[in-house]
């Protein structure tokens, strides 16, 4: 995986070449990613779905993250990013059913790791149940949902914790239920401004659906 070849970009989003995933994160090149957030409406309540990253992941193990996400390889287009959804969580989603939120750039830096992503962000209105998810356990160990209003309040600083419900695949390969309260420290440390921007986009889309 560290040898995967990714397109790299300058500060103005111009492609300047191709580099290995390892060097992309070591040197800190801008690179493309694909993000897809699942939301649903169940009995009048809006929910957002989150993946639980596997405990064997090199980056951010055991933390909650975008429903499905990954790097776009050097020979891939944005449309090809839907493979991440199928690979990670086992849901077939046609690209044309996704709502585009555009490209978000953000940077996270920690020890010997610089993640500068040009993230192509999408929303998917899901009608799936937890039974529909088949996880790539090397990448994703669980799927949970939270009420979208609670998720919003968490990132706006209006709540300390929110309730999540879902399931996890344990080390024996068995499905165990998750029902707990979590704070921000349980999430991948994307910039708070990134979470807020995503929340605003989702809010706008939900409002558009309600008024259409």
N, C-alpha and C. Protein backbone atom coordinates (compact mmCIF):
# COMPACT_ATOMS: atom_id res chain seq x y z
N UNK A 1 0.82 -1.21 0.00
CA UNK A 1 0.00 0.00 0.00
C UNK A 1 0.85 1.27 0.00
N UNK A 2 1.97 1.22 0.68
CA UNK A 2 2.84 2.39 0.74
C UNK A 2 3.45 2.70 -0.62
N UNK A 3 3.45 1.69 -1.52
CA UNK A 3 4.02 1.89 -2.85
C UNK A 3 2.98 2.34 -3.87
N UNK A 4 1.73 2.48 -3.45
CA UNK A 4 0.70 2.97 -4.37
C UNK A 4 1.14 4.31 -4.96
N UNK A 5 0.87 4.49 -6.25
CA UNK A 5 1.26 5.72 -6.92
C UNK A 5 0.08 6.70 -6.94
N UNK A 6 0.34 7.92 -6.47
CA UNK A 6 -0.69 8.95 -6.38
C UNK A 6 -0.26 10.19 -7.17
N UNK A 7 -1.23 10.87 -7.75
CA UNK A 7 -0.94 12.15 -8.40
C UNK A 7 -0.63 13.18 -7.30
N UNK A 8 0.32 14.05 -7.57
CA UNK A 8 0.66 15.09 -6.59
C UNK A 8 0.47 16.47 -7.22
N UNK A 9 0.16 17.44 -6.36
CA UNK A 9 -0.24 18.77 -6.82
C UNK A 9 0.49 19.86 -6.06
N UNK A 10 0.55 21.06 -6.69
CA UNK A 10 1.12 22.21 -5.98
C UNK A 10 0.01 22.94 -5.23
N UNK A 11 0.35 24.05 -4.61
CA UNK A 11 -0.60 24.79 -3.78
C UNK A 11 -1.79 25.32 -4.58
N UNK A 12 -1.62 25.44 -5.90
CA UNK A 12 -2.70 25.94 -6.76
C UNK A 12 -3.49 24.81 -7.42
N UNK A 13 -3.29 23.61 -6.93
CA UNK A 13 -3.99 22.41 -7.41
C UNK A 13 -3.59 22.02 -8.84
N UNK A 14 -2.41 22.43 -9.26
CA UNK A 14 -1.87 21.98 -10.55
C UNK A 14 -1.09 20.69 -10.34
N UNK A 15 -1.34 19.68 -11.17
CA UNK A 15 -0.60 18.44 -11.01
C UNK A 15 0.86 18.65 -11.38
N UNK A 16 1.74 18.15 -10.51
CA UNK A 16 3.18 18.34 -10.74
C UNK A 16 3.90 17.01 -10.90
N UNK A 17 3.16 15.91 -10.86
CA UNK A 17 3.80 14.62 -11.04
C UNK A 17 3.07 13.50 -10.34
N UNK A 18 3.82 12.42 -10.07
CA UNK A 18 3.29 11.23 -9.40
C UNK A 18 4.31 10.81 -8.35
N UNK A 19 3.81 10.33 -7.22
CA UNK A 19 4.71 9.90 -6.15
C UNK A 19 4.08 8.74 -5.39
N UNK A 20 4.91 8.00 -4.66
CA UNK A 20 4.40 6.89 -3.86
C UNK A 20 3.62 7.43 -2.67
N UNK A 21 2.69 6.64 -2.20
CA UNK A 21 1.90 7.04 -1.03
C UNK A 21 2.81 7.34 0.15
N UNK A 22 3.85 6.53 0.31
CA UNK A 22 4.78 6.73 1.42
C UNK A 22 5.42 8.12 1.36
N UNK A 23 5.90 8.51 0.16
CA UNK A 23 6.56 9.80 0.02
C UNK A 23 5.56 10.96 0.09
N UNK A 24 4.35 10.71 -0.39
CA UNK A 24 3.31 11.73 -0.32
C UNK A 24 3.10 12.18 1.13
N UNK A 25 3.07 11.21 2.04
CA UNK A 25 2.84 11.54 3.45
C UNK A 25 4.13 11.92 4.18
N UNK A 26 5.25 11.49 3.66
CA UNK A 26 6.53 11.85 4.29
C UNK A 26 6.93 13.27 3.93
N UNK A 27 6.79 13.62 2.66
CA UNK A 27 7.21 14.94 2.18
C UNK A 27 6.10 15.97 2.35
N UNK A 28 4.84 15.49 2.24
CA UNK A 28 3.71 16.39 2.41
C UNK A 28 3.20 16.98 1.11
N UNK A 29 3.12 16.13 0.07
CA UNK A 29 2.54 16.58 -1.20
C UNK A 29 1.01 16.63 -1.11
N UNK A 30 0.43 17.60 -1.79
CA UNK A 30 -1.02 17.59 -1.96
C UNK A 30 -1.39 16.41 -2.87
N UNK A 31 -2.46 15.71 -2.52
CA UNK A 31 -2.89 14.54 -3.30
C UNK A 31 -4.40 14.40 -3.21
N UNK A 32 -4.96 13.62 -4.13
CA UNK A 32 -6.41 13.50 -4.23
C UNK A 32 -6.97 12.38 -3.36
N UNK A 33 -8.15 12.64 -2.80
CA UNK A 33 -8.86 11.62 -2.03
C UNK A 33 -10.34 11.66 -2.43
N UNK A 34 -11.02 10.58 -2.07
CA UNK A 34 -12.46 10.45 -2.32
C UNK A 34 -13.13 10.22 -0.98
N UNK A 35 -14.12 11.05 -0.65
CA UNK A 35 -14.87 10.92 0.61
C UNK A 35 -16.35 10.76 0.28
N UNK A 36 -17.01 9.84 0.95
CA UNK A 36 -18.45 9.71 0.81
C UNK A 36 -19.10 9.56 2.18
N UNK A 37 -19.97 10.49 2.50
CA UNK A 37 -20.71 10.47 3.77
C UNK A 37 -22.10 9.90 3.50
N UNK A 38 -22.49 8.91 4.28
CA UNK A 38 -23.84 8.35 4.20
C UNK A 38 -24.74 9.06 5.21
N UNK A 39 -25.92 9.45 4.77
CA UNK A 39 -26.95 9.94 5.68
C UNK A 39 -28.24 9.20 5.40
N UNK A 40 -29.13 9.19 6.37
CA UNK A 40 -30.43 8.55 6.17
C UNK A 40 -31.47 9.31 6.99
N UNK A 41 -32.71 9.09 6.67
CA UNK A 41 -33.81 9.63 7.47
C UNK A 41 -34.67 8.45 7.89
N UNK A 42 -34.76 8.25 9.20
CA UNK A 42 -35.50 7.12 9.74
C UNK A 42 -36.52 7.64 10.74
N UNK A 43 -37.79 7.44 10.39
CA UNK A 43 -38.91 7.90 11.23
C UNK A 43 -38.79 9.39 11.55
N UNK A 44 -38.39 10.15 10.52
CA UNK A 44 -38.32 11.59 10.67
C UNK A 44 -37.05 12.12 11.30
N UNK A 45 -36.12 11.24 11.64
CA UNK A 45 -34.85 11.66 12.26
C UNK A 45 -33.71 11.45 11.26
N UNK A 46 -32.88 12.49 11.08
CA UNK A 46 -31.72 12.39 10.19
C UNK A 46 -30.54 11.78 10.94
N UNK A 47 -29.88 10.83 10.28
CA UNK A 47 -28.71 10.16 10.85
C UNK A 47 -27.52 10.31 9.93
N UNK A 48 -26.33 10.28 10.51
CA UNK A 48 -25.09 10.23 9.74
C UNK A 48 -24.36 8.95 10.12
N UNK A 49 -23.79 8.30 9.11
CA UNK A 49 -23.10 7.01 9.32
C UNK A 49 -21.59 7.23 9.33
N UNK A 50 -20.92 6.50 10.21
CA UNK A 50 -19.48 6.63 10.39
C UNK A 50 -18.84 5.25 10.40
N UNK A 51 -17.66 5.17 9.84
CA UNK A 51 -16.91 3.91 9.93
C UNK A 51 -16.00 3.95 11.15
N UNK A 52 -15.77 2.77 11.72
CA UNK A 52 -14.77 2.59 12.77
C UNK A 52 -13.54 1.99 12.12
N UNK A 53 -12.45 2.73 12.14
CA UNK A 53 -11.24 2.27 11.47
C UNK A 53 -10.65 1.07 12.21
N UNK A 54 -10.12 0.15 11.45
CA UNK A 54 -9.56 -1.08 12.01
C UNK A 54 -8.42 -0.77 12.98
N UNK A 55 -8.24 -1.65 13.95
CA UNK A 55 -7.16 -1.44 14.92
C UNK A 55 -5.79 -1.76 14.34
N UNK A 56 -5.75 -2.31 13.11
CA UNK A 56 -4.45 -2.58 12.48
C UNK A 56 -4.07 -1.51 11.46
N UNK A 57 -4.91 -0.48 11.32
CA UNK A 57 -4.59 0.62 10.42
C UNK A 57 -3.36 1.37 10.94
N UNK A 58 -2.47 1.75 10.04
CA UNK A 58 -1.28 2.50 10.44
C UNK A 58 -1.67 3.89 10.93
N UNK A 59 -2.64 4.50 10.25
CA UNK A 59 -3.06 5.86 10.59
C UNK A 59 -4.42 5.84 11.29
N UNK A 60 -4.49 6.44 12.45
CA UNK A 60 -5.74 6.63 13.19
C UNK A 60 -6.53 5.34 13.45
N UNK A 61 -5.89 4.30 13.98
CA UNK A 61 -6.64 3.07 14.28
C UNK A 61 -7.69 3.31 15.36
N UNK A 62 -8.78 2.54 15.27
CA UNK A 62 -9.85 2.56 16.29
C UNK A 62 -10.56 3.90 16.43
N UNK A 63 -10.50 4.74 15.41
CA UNK A 63 -11.19 6.02 15.47
C UNK A 63 -12.33 6.06 14.45
N UNK A 64 -13.33 6.87 14.74
CA UNK A 64 -14.47 7.03 13.84
C UNK A 64 -14.10 7.99 12.72
N UNK A 65 -14.64 7.69 11.53
CA UNK A 65 -14.24 8.48 10.36
C UNK A 65 -15.39 8.55 9.35
N UNK A 66 -15.11 9.20 8.24
CA UNK A 66 -16.03 9.30 7.11
C UNK A 66 -16.55 7.91 6.76
N UNK A 67 -17.79 7.82 6.32
CA UNK A 67 -18.40 6.51 6.05
C UNK A 67 -17.52 5.65 5.16
N UNK A 68 -17.05 6.23 4.06
CA UNK A 68 -16.12 5.51 3.18
C UNK A 68 -15.20 6.55 2.54
N UNK A 69 -13.91 6.26 2.51
CA UNK A 69 -12.96 7.23 1.98
C UNK A 69 -11.65 6.54 1.62
N UNK A 70 -10.91 7.16 0.72
CA UNK A 70 -9.61 6.61 0.37
C UNK A 70 -8.91 7.48 -0.65
N UNK A 71 -7.69 7.11 -0.97
CA UNK A 71 -6.91 7.85 -1.95
C UNK A 71 -7.32 7.49 -3.37
N UNK A 72 -7.25 8.47 -4.26
CA UNK A 72 -7.41 8.20 -5.68
C UNK A 72 -6.02 7.92 -6.25
N UNK A 73 -5.90 6.79 -6.92
CA UNK A 73 -4.61 6.39 -7.49
C UNK A 73 -4.30 7.22 -8.74
N UNK A 74 -3.06 7.17 -9.16
CA UNK A 74 -2.59 8.02 -10.25
C UNK A 74 -3.37 7.81 -11.54
N UNK A 75 -3.86 6.59 -11.76
CA UNK A 75 -4.58 6.30 -13.01
C UNK A 75 -6.09 6.37 -12.85
N UNK A 76 -6.58 6.92 -11.74
CA UNK A 76 -8.01 6.97 -11.49
C UNK A 76 -8.59 8.37 -11.65
N UNK A 77 -9.87 8.40 -12.04
CA UNK A 77 -10.62 9.65 -12.05
C UNK A 77 -11.46 9.71 -10.77
N UNK A 78 -12.12 10.83 -10.55
CA UNK A 78 -12.97 10.97 -9.36
C UNK A 78 -14.10 9.93 -9.40
N UNK A 79 -14.64 9.66 -10.57
CA UNK A 79 -15.73 8.67 -10.70
C UNK A 79 -15.29 7.30 -10.19
N UNK A 80 -14.01 7.00 -10.37
CA UNK A 80 -13.49 5.70 -9.93
C UNK A 80 -13.50 5.58 -8.41
N UNK A 81 -13.66 6.69 -7.73
CA UNK A 81 -13.62 6.66 -6.27
C UNK A 81 -14.73 5.83 -5.64
N UNK A 82 -15.80 5.56 -6.38
CA UNK A 82 -16.88 4.76 -5.80
C UNK A 82 -16.41 3.36 -5.42
N UNK A 83 -15.28 2.94 -5.97
CA UNK A 83 -14.76 1.61 -5.59
C UNK A 83 -14.45 1.56 -4.09
N UNK A 84 -14.10 2.72 -3.52
CA UNK A 84 -13.79 2.75 -2.09
C UNK A 84 -15.02 2.35 -1.26
N UNK A 85 -16.20 2.76 -1.72
CA UNK A 85 -17.42 2.44 -0.98
C UNK A 85 -17.64 0.93 -1.01
N UNK A 86 -17.52 0.34 -2.19
CA UNK A 86 -17.72 -1.10 -2.33
C UNK A 86 -16.65 -1.88 -1.57
N UNK A 87 -15.40 -1.45 -1.68
CA UNK A 87 -14.30 -2.18 -1.05
C UNK A 87 -14.39 -2.12 0.47
N UNK A 88 -14.63 -0.94 1.01
CA UNK A 88 -14.55 -0.76 2.46
C UNK A 88 -15.79 -1.26 3.20
N UNK A 89 -16.98 -0.96 2.63
CA UNK A 89 -18.20 -1.27 3.39
C UNK A 89 -19.21 -2.13 2.63
N UNK A 90 -18.84 -2.55 1.40
CA UNK A 90 -19.65 -3.54 0.70
C UNK A 90 -20.95 -3.06 0.10
N UNK A 91 -21.09 -1.75 -0.08
CA UNK A 91 -22.32 -1.21 -0.66
C UNK A 91 -22.04 -0.73 -2.08
N UNK A 92 -22.84 -1.21 -3.04
CA UNK A 92 -22.73 -0.76 -4.42
C UNK A 92 -23.48 0.55 -4.58
N UNK A 93 -22.76 1.61 -4.90
CA UNK A 93 -23.39 2.93 -5.07
C UNK A 93 -23.03 3.47 -6.45
N UNK A 94 -24.01 3.69 -7.33
CA UNK A 94 -23.71 4.31 -8.63
C UNK A 94 -23.23 5.74 -8.42
N UNK A 95 -22.21 6.13 -9.15
CA UNK A 95 -21.65 7.47 -9.00
C UNK A 95 -22.71 8.55 -9.21
N UNK A 96 -23.63 8.30 -10.14
CA UNK A 96 -24.64 9.30 -10.47
C UNK A 96 -25.65 9.52 -9.34
N UNK A 97 -25.65 8.66 -8.32
CA UNK A 97 -26.55 8.85 -7.18
C UNK A 97 -25.90 9.65 -6.04
N UNK A 98 -24.65 10.02 -6.24
CA UNK A 98 -23.95 10.81 -5.23
C UNK A 98 -24.20 12.30 -5.43
N UNK A 99 -24.23 13.03 -4.34
CA UNK A 99 -24.34 14.49 -4.37
C UNK A 99 -22.95 15.06 -4.13
N UNK A 100 -22.45 15.84 -5.07
CA UNK A 100 -21.10 16.40 -4.94
C UNK A 100 -21.10 17.64 -4.06
N UNK A 101 -20.17 17.67 -3.11
CA UNK A 101 -19.97 18.86 -2.29
C UNK A 101 -18.75 19.65 -2.75
N UNK A 102 -18.08 19.18 -3.81
CA UNK A 102 -16.91 19.88 -4.31
C UNK A 102 -15.61 19.34 -3.71
N UNK A 103 -14.55 20.10 -3.88
CA UNK A 103 -13.22 19.69 -3.42
C UNK A 103 -12.83 20.51 -2.18
N UNK A 104 -12.49 19.80 -1.13
CA UNK A 104 -12.05 20.42 0.12
C UNK A 104 -10.57 20.16 0.30
N UNK A 105 -9.82 21.17 0.64
CA UNK A 105 -8.40 20.92 0.95
C UNK A 105 -8.18 21.12 2.44
N UNK A 106 -7.42 20.21 3.02
CA UNK A 106 -7.08 20.35 4.43
C UNK A 106 -5.77 19.64 4.71
N UNK A 107 -5.19 19.99 5.81
CA UNK A 107 -3.87 19.47 6.14
C UNK A 107 -3.83 19.05 7.61
N UNK A 108 -3.36 17.84 7.85
CA UNK A 108 -3.15 17.35 9.21
C UNK A 108 -1.69 16.91 9.32
N UNK A 109 -1.01 17.43 10.33
CA UNK A 109 0.41 17.10 10.50
C UNK A 109 0.63 16.50 11.88
N UNK A 110 1.30 15.35 11.91
CA UNK A 110 1.74 14.78 13.18
C UNK A 110 3.13 14.20 12.95
N UNK A 111 3.65 13.46 13.89
CA UNK A 111 5.02 12.97 13.79
C UNK A 111 5.24 12.18 12.50
N UNK A 112 6.19 12.67 11.68
CA UNK A 112 6.59 11.98 10.44
C UNK A 112 5.42 11.67 9.52
N UNK A 113 4.36 12.48 9.58
CA UNK A 113 3.18 12.21 8.76
C UNK A 113 2.52 13.54 8.42
N UNK A 114 2.48 13.87 7.13
CA UNK A 114 1.85 15.09 6.65
C UNK A 114 0.76 14.70 5.66
N UNK A 115 -0.48 14.96 6.02
CA UNK A 115 -1.60 14.55 5.17
C UNK A 115 -2.24 15.80 4.58
N UNK A 116 -1.90 16.09 3.32
CA UNK A 116 -2.44 17.28 2.64
C UNK A 116 -3.33 16.79 1.51
N UNK A 117 -4.61 16.76 1.78
CA UNK A 117 -5.56 16.15 0.84
C UNK A 117 -6.38 17.18 0.08
N UNK A 118 -6.59 16.87 -1.19
CA UNK A 118 -7.62 17.52 -1.99
C UNK A 118 -8.75 16.50 -2.04
N UNK A 119 -9.71 16.69 -1.16
CA UNK A 119 -10.75 15.68 -0.96
C UNK A 119 -11.98 15.99 -1.81
N UNK A 120 -12.30 15.07 -2.72
CA UNK A 120 -13.53 15.14 -3.49
C UNK A 120 -14.63 14.56 -2.62
N UNK A 121 -15.51 15.42 -2.11
CA UNK A 121 -16.45 15.03 -1.07
C UNK A 121 -17.86 14.85 -1.65
N UNK A 122 -18.48 13.74 -1.27
CA UNK A 122 -19.82 13.39 -1.76
C UNK A 122 -20.72 12.97 -0.61
N UNK A 123 -22.02 13.09 -0.88
CA UNK A 123 -23.05 12.64 0.05
C UNK A 123 -23.89 11.57 -0.62
N UNK A 124 -24.28 10.55 0.16
CA UNK A 124 -25.17 9.51 -0.36
C UNK A 124 -26.35 9.36 0.59
N UNK A 125 -27.55 9.49 0.05
CA UNK A 125 -28.78 9.30 0.83
C UNK A 125 -29.05 7.80 0.86
N UNK A 126 -28.79 7.19 1.99
CA UNK A 126 -28.83 5.74 2.11
C UNK A 126 -30.17 5.24 2.65
N UNK A 127 -30.58 4.11 2.12
CA UNK A 127 -31.73 3.40 2.67
C UNK A 127 -31.31 2.02 3.16
N UNK A 128 -30.02 1.86 3.34
CA UNK A 128 -29.46 0.57 3.78
C UNK A 128 -29.67 0.36 5.27
N UNK A 129 -29.74 -0.91 5.66
CA UNK A 129 -29.73 -1.29 7.07
C UNK A 129 -28.33 -1.78 7.41
N UNK A 130 -28.06 -1.95 8.70
CA UNK A 130 -26.74 -2.43 9.10
C UNK A 130 -26.43 -3.80 8.50
N UNK A 131 -27.45 -4.60 8.25
CA UNK A 131 -27.24 -5.93 7.68
C UNK A 131 -26.69 -5.87 6.25
N UNK A 132 -26.84 -4.72 5.58
CA UNK A 132 -26.37 -4.59 4.19
C UNK A 132 -24.87 -4.34 4.10
N UNK A 133 -24.25 -3.97 5.21
CA UNK A 133 -22.82 -3.63 5.18
C UNK A 133 -21.95 -4.89 5.31
N UNK A 134 -21.00 -5.01 4.39
CA UNK A 134 -19.98 -6.06 4.47
C UNK A 134 -18.63 -5.37 4.54
N UNK A 135 -17.95 -5.53 5.64
CA UNK A 135 -16.77 -4.72 5.90
C UNK A 135 -15.46 -5.38 5.44
N UNK A 136 -14.57 -4.54 4.94
CA UNK A 136 -13.20 -4.95 4.65
C UNK A 136 -12.42 -4.79 5.95
N UNK A 137 -12.35 -5.88 6.72
CA UNK A 137 -11.94 -5.75 8.12
C UNK A 137 -10.50 -5.25 8.29
N UNK A 138 -9.67 -5.37 7.25
CA UNK A 138 -8.32 -4.81 7.35
C UNK A 138 -8.36 -3.29 7.40
N UNK A 139 -9.45 -2.72 6.88
CA UNK A 139 -9.60 -1.27 6.83
C UNK A 139 -10.65 -0.76 7.82
N UNK A 140 -11.77 -1.44 7.88
CA UNK A 140 -12.92 -0.98 8.65
C UNK A 140 -13.40 -2.08 9.57
N UNK A 141 -13.50 -1.80 10.87
CA UNK A 141 -13.92 -2.85 11.80
C UNK A 141 -15.36 -2.67 12.26
N UNK A 142 -15.99 -1.53 11.91
CA UNK A 142 -17.37 -1.34 12.36
C UNK A 142 -18.05 -0.21 11.62
N UNK A 143 -19.38 -0.18 11.71
CA UNK A 143 -20.21 0.90 11.17
C UNK A 143 -21.19 1.32 12.26
N UNK A 144 -21.29 2.63 12.45
CA UNK A 144 -22.22 3.16 13.45
C UNK A 144 -22.98 4.34 12.85
N UNK A 145 -24.07 4.71 13.52
CA UNK A 145 -24.78 5.91 13.12
C UNK A 145 -25.01 6.78 14.35
N UNK A 146 -25.16 8.07 14.09
CA UNK A 146 -25.47 9.04 15.14
C UNK A 146 -26.52 9.99 14.60
N UNK A 147 -27.34 10.52 15.49
CA UNK A 147 -28.29 11.53 15.03
C UNK A 147 -27.52 12.73 14.49
N UNK A 148 -27.91 13.18 13.31
CA UNK A 148 -27.17 14.26 12.67
C UNK A 148 -27.19 15.54 13.52
N UNK A 149 -28.29 15.81 14.18
CA UNK A 149 -28.35 17.01 15.04
C UNK A 149 -27.35 16.92 16.18
N UNK A 150 -27.19 15.72 16.74
CA UNK A 150 -26.20 15.53 17.81
C UNK A 150 -24.79 15.70 17.28
N UNK A 151 -24.53 15.11 16.11
CA UNK A 151 -23.22 15.22 15.46
C UNK A 151 -22.88 16.70 15.23
N UNK A 152 -23.87 17.45 14.78
CA UNK A 152 -23.68 18.88 14.55
C UNK A 152 -23.32 19.60 15.85
N UNK A 153 -24.06 19.32 16.90
CA UNK A 153 -23.81 19.98 18.18
C UNK A 153 -22.43 19.63 18.74
N UNK A 154 -21.99 18.40 18.50
CA UNK A 154 -20.66 17.99 18.96
C UNK A 154 -19.58 18.87 18.36
N UNK A 155 -19.66 19.09 17.04
CA UNK A 155 -18.60 19.84 16.36
C UNK A 155 -18.77 21.35 16.46
N UNK A 156 -19.95 21.78 16.89
CA UNK A 156 -20.14 23.20 17.17
C UNK A 156 -19.82 23.53 18.63
N UNK A 157 -19.43 22.51 19.38
CA UNK A 157 -19.06 22.72 20.77
C UNK A 157 -20.24 22.84 21.72
N UNK A 158 -21.41 22.38 21.28
CA UNK A 158 -22.61 22.49 22.10
C UNK A 158 -22.90 21.21 22.89
N UNK A 159 -22.14 20.16 22.60
CA UNK A 159 -22.25 18.91 23.35
C UNK A 159 -20.87 18.34 23.56
N UNK A 160 -20.69 17.63 24.66
CA UNK A 160 -19.40 16.99 24.94
C UNK A 160 -19.35 15.59 24.35
N UNK A 161 -20.50 14.90 24.35
CA UNK A 161 -20.55 13.54 23.82
C UNK A 161 -21.84 13.34 23.04
N UNK A 162 -21.83 12.31 22.17
CA UNK A 162 -23.04 11.92 21.44
C UNK A 162 -23.16 10.41 21.47
N UNK A 163 -24.36 9.93 21.26
CA UNK A 163 -24.60 8.49 21.26
C UNK A 163 -24.39 7.93 19.86
N UNK A 164 -23.68 6.82 19.78
CA UNK A 164 -23.53 6.09 18.53
C UNK A 164 -24.07 4.68 18.71
N UNK A 165 -24.66 4.16 17.63
CA UNK A 165 -25.17 2.79 17.64
C UNK A 165 -24.77 2.11 16.35
N UNK A 166 -24.41 0.84 16.44
CA UNK A 166 -24.03 0.10 15.25
C UNK A 166 -23.43 -1.24 15.62
N UNK A 167 -22.44 -1.63 14.84
CA UNK A 167 -21.82 -2.93 15.10
C UNK A 167 -20.33 -2.89 14.79
N UNK A 168 -19.63 -3.87 15.35
CA UNK A 168 -18.21 -4.04 15.12
C UNK A 168 -17.94 -5.52 14.88
N UNK A 169 -16.96 -5.79 14.02
CA UNK A 169 -16.51 -7.17 13.82
C UNK A 169 -15.33 -7.40 14.75
N UNK A 170 -15.48 -8.34 15.70
CA UNK A 170 -14.40 -8.56 16.66
C UNK A 170 -13.31 -9.46 16.08
N UNK A 171 -12.30 -9.72 16.87
CA UNK A 171 -11.14 -10.46 16.38
C UNK A 171 -11.49 -11.90 15.98
N UNK A 172 -12.61 -12.41 16.49
CA UNK A 172 -13.05 -13.75 16.12
C UNK A 172 -13.92 -13.75 14.87
N UNK A 173 -14.12 -12.57 14.30
CA UNK A 173 -14.94 -12.46 13.10
C UNK A 173 -16.43 -12.38 13.37
N UNK A 174 -16.79 -12.23 14.64
CA UNK A 174 -18.20 -12.15 15.00
C UNK A 174 -18.65 -10.70 15.13
N UNK A 175 -19.91 -10.48 14.84
CA UNK A 175 -20.48 -9.15 14.91
C UNK A 175 -20.95 -8.86 16.34
N UNK A 176 -20.49 -7.76 16.90
CA UNK A 176 -20.92 -7.34 18.24
C UNK A 176 -21.54 -5.95 18.14
N UNK A 177 -22.55 -5.70 18.95
CA UNK A 177 -23.26 -4.44 18.89
C UNK A 177 -22.47 -3.34 19.60
N UNK A 178 -22.57 -2.13 19.07
CA UNK A 178 -21.98 -0.95 19.68
C UNK A 178 -23.12 -0.02 20.08
N UNK A 179 -23.10 0.41 21.31
CA UNK A 179 -24.05 1.42 21.78
C UNK A 179 -23.36 2.16 22.91
N UNK A 180 -22.84 3.33 22.60
CA UNK A 180 -22.06 4.06 23.59
C UNK A 180 -22.06 5.56 23.29
N UNK A 181 -21.54 6.32 24.24
CA UNK A 181 -21.39 7.75 24.07
C UNK A 181 -19.92 8.06 23.81
N UNK A 182 -19.67 8.93 22.83
CA UNK A 182 -18.29 9.26 22.46
C UNK A 182 -18.14 10.77 22.34
N UNK A 183 -16.91 11.23 22.54
CA UNK A 183 -16.58 12.64 22.35
C UNK A 183 -15.72 12.83 21.12
N UNK A 184 -15.25 14.05 20.93
CA UNK A 184 -14.44 14.36 19.75
C UNK A 184 -13.18 13.52 19.67
N UNK A 185 -12.66 13.11 20.85
CA UNK A 185 -11.41 12.35 20.85
C UNK A 185 -11.55 10.96 20.24
N UNK A 186 -12.77 10.54 19.95
CA UNK A 186 -13.00 9.23 19.33
C UNK A 186 -13.00 9.34 17.80
N UNK A 187 -12.86 10.56 17.28
CA UNK A 187 -12.91 10.79 15.84
C UNK A 187 -11.52 11.07 15.28
N UNK A 188 -11.33 10.71 14.01
CA UNK A 188 -10.10 11.09 13.31
C UNK A 188 -9.97 12.62 13.38
N UNK A 189 -8.78 13.12 13.73
CA UNK A 189 -8.62 14.56 13.96
C UNK A 189 -8.52 15.40 12.69
N UNK A 190 -9.56 15.29 11.82
CA UNK A 190 -9.66 16.27 10.75
C UNK A 190 -9.83 17.64 11.41
N UNK A 191 -9.49 18.68 10.69
CA UNK A 191 -9.66 20.02 11.25
C UNK A 191 -11.13 20.25 11.60
N UNK A 192 -11.36 20.93 12.71
CA UNK A 192 -12.74 21.21 13.11
C UNK A 192 -13.45 22.01 12.02
N UNK A 193 -12.72 22.87 11.34
CA UNK A 193 -13.32 23.65 10.26
C UNK A 193 -13.81 22.73 9.14
N UNK A 194 -13.12 21.61 8.94
CA UNK A 194 -13.55 20.64 7.92
C UNK A 194 -14.87 20.00 8.34
N UNK A 195 -14.95 19.55 9.59
CA UNK A 195 -16.21 18.96 10.07
C UNK A 195 -17.35 19.98 9.95
N UNK A 196 -17.09 21.22 10.32
CA UNK A 196 -18.13 22.24 10.28
C UNK A 196 -18.58 22.50 8.84
N UNK A 197 -17.64 22.50 7.91
CA UNK A 197 -17.98 22.74 6.51
C UNK A 197 -18.84 21.60 5.96
N UNK A 198 -18.50 20.37 6.32
CA UNK A 198 -19.28 19.21 5.88
C UNK A 198 -20.68 19.28 6.47
N UNK A 199 -20.77 19.61 7.74
CA UNK A 199 -22.07 19.71 8.40
C UNK A 199 -22.95 20.75 7.70
N UNK A 200 -22.36 21.88 7.35
CA UNK A 200 -23.12 22.93 6.68
C UNK A 200 -23.65 22.45 5.33
N UNK A 201 -22.81 21.74 4.58
CA UNK A 201 -23.22 21.22 3.28
C UNK A 201 -24.36 20.20 3.43
N UNK A 202 -24.25 19.34 4.42
CA UNK A 202 -25.30 18.34 4.64
C UNK A 202 -26.60 19.02 5.05
N UNK A 203 -26.49 20.01 5.93
CA UNK A 203 -27.68 20.76 6.35
C UNK A 203 -28.39 21.37 5.14
N UNK A 204 -27.62 21.99 4.26
CA UNK A 204 -28.19 22.63 3.07
C UNK A 204 -28.90 21.60 2.20
N UNK A 205 -28.29 20.43 2.07
CA UNK A 205 -28.90 19.40 1.24
C UNK A 205 -30.19 18.87 1.87
N UNK A 206 -30.17 18.65 3.16
CA UNK A 206 -31.39 18.16 3.85
C UNK A 206 -32.51 19.18 3.72
N UNK A 207 -32.17 20.46 3.87
CA UNK A 207 -33.18 21.51 3.75
C UNK A 207 -33.75 21.55 2.34
N UNK A 208 -32.88 21.34 1.36
CA UNK A 208 -33.31 21.34 -0.04
C UNK A 208 -34.31 20.21 -0.30
N UNK A 209 -34.04 19.03 0.30
CA UNK A 209 -34.94 17.89 0.14
C UNK A 209 -36.28 18.19 0.78
N UNK A 210 -36.26 18.80 1.97
CA UNK A 210 -37.47 19.08 2.71
C UNK A 210 -38.37 20.09 2.01
N UNK A 211 -37.75 21.02 1.26
CA UNK A 211 -38.53 22.06 0.63
C UNK A 211 -38.87 21.76 -0.83
N UNK A 212 -38.34 20.64 -1.34
CA UNK A 212 -38.61 20.31 -2.75
C UNK A 212 -39.91 19.53 -2.91
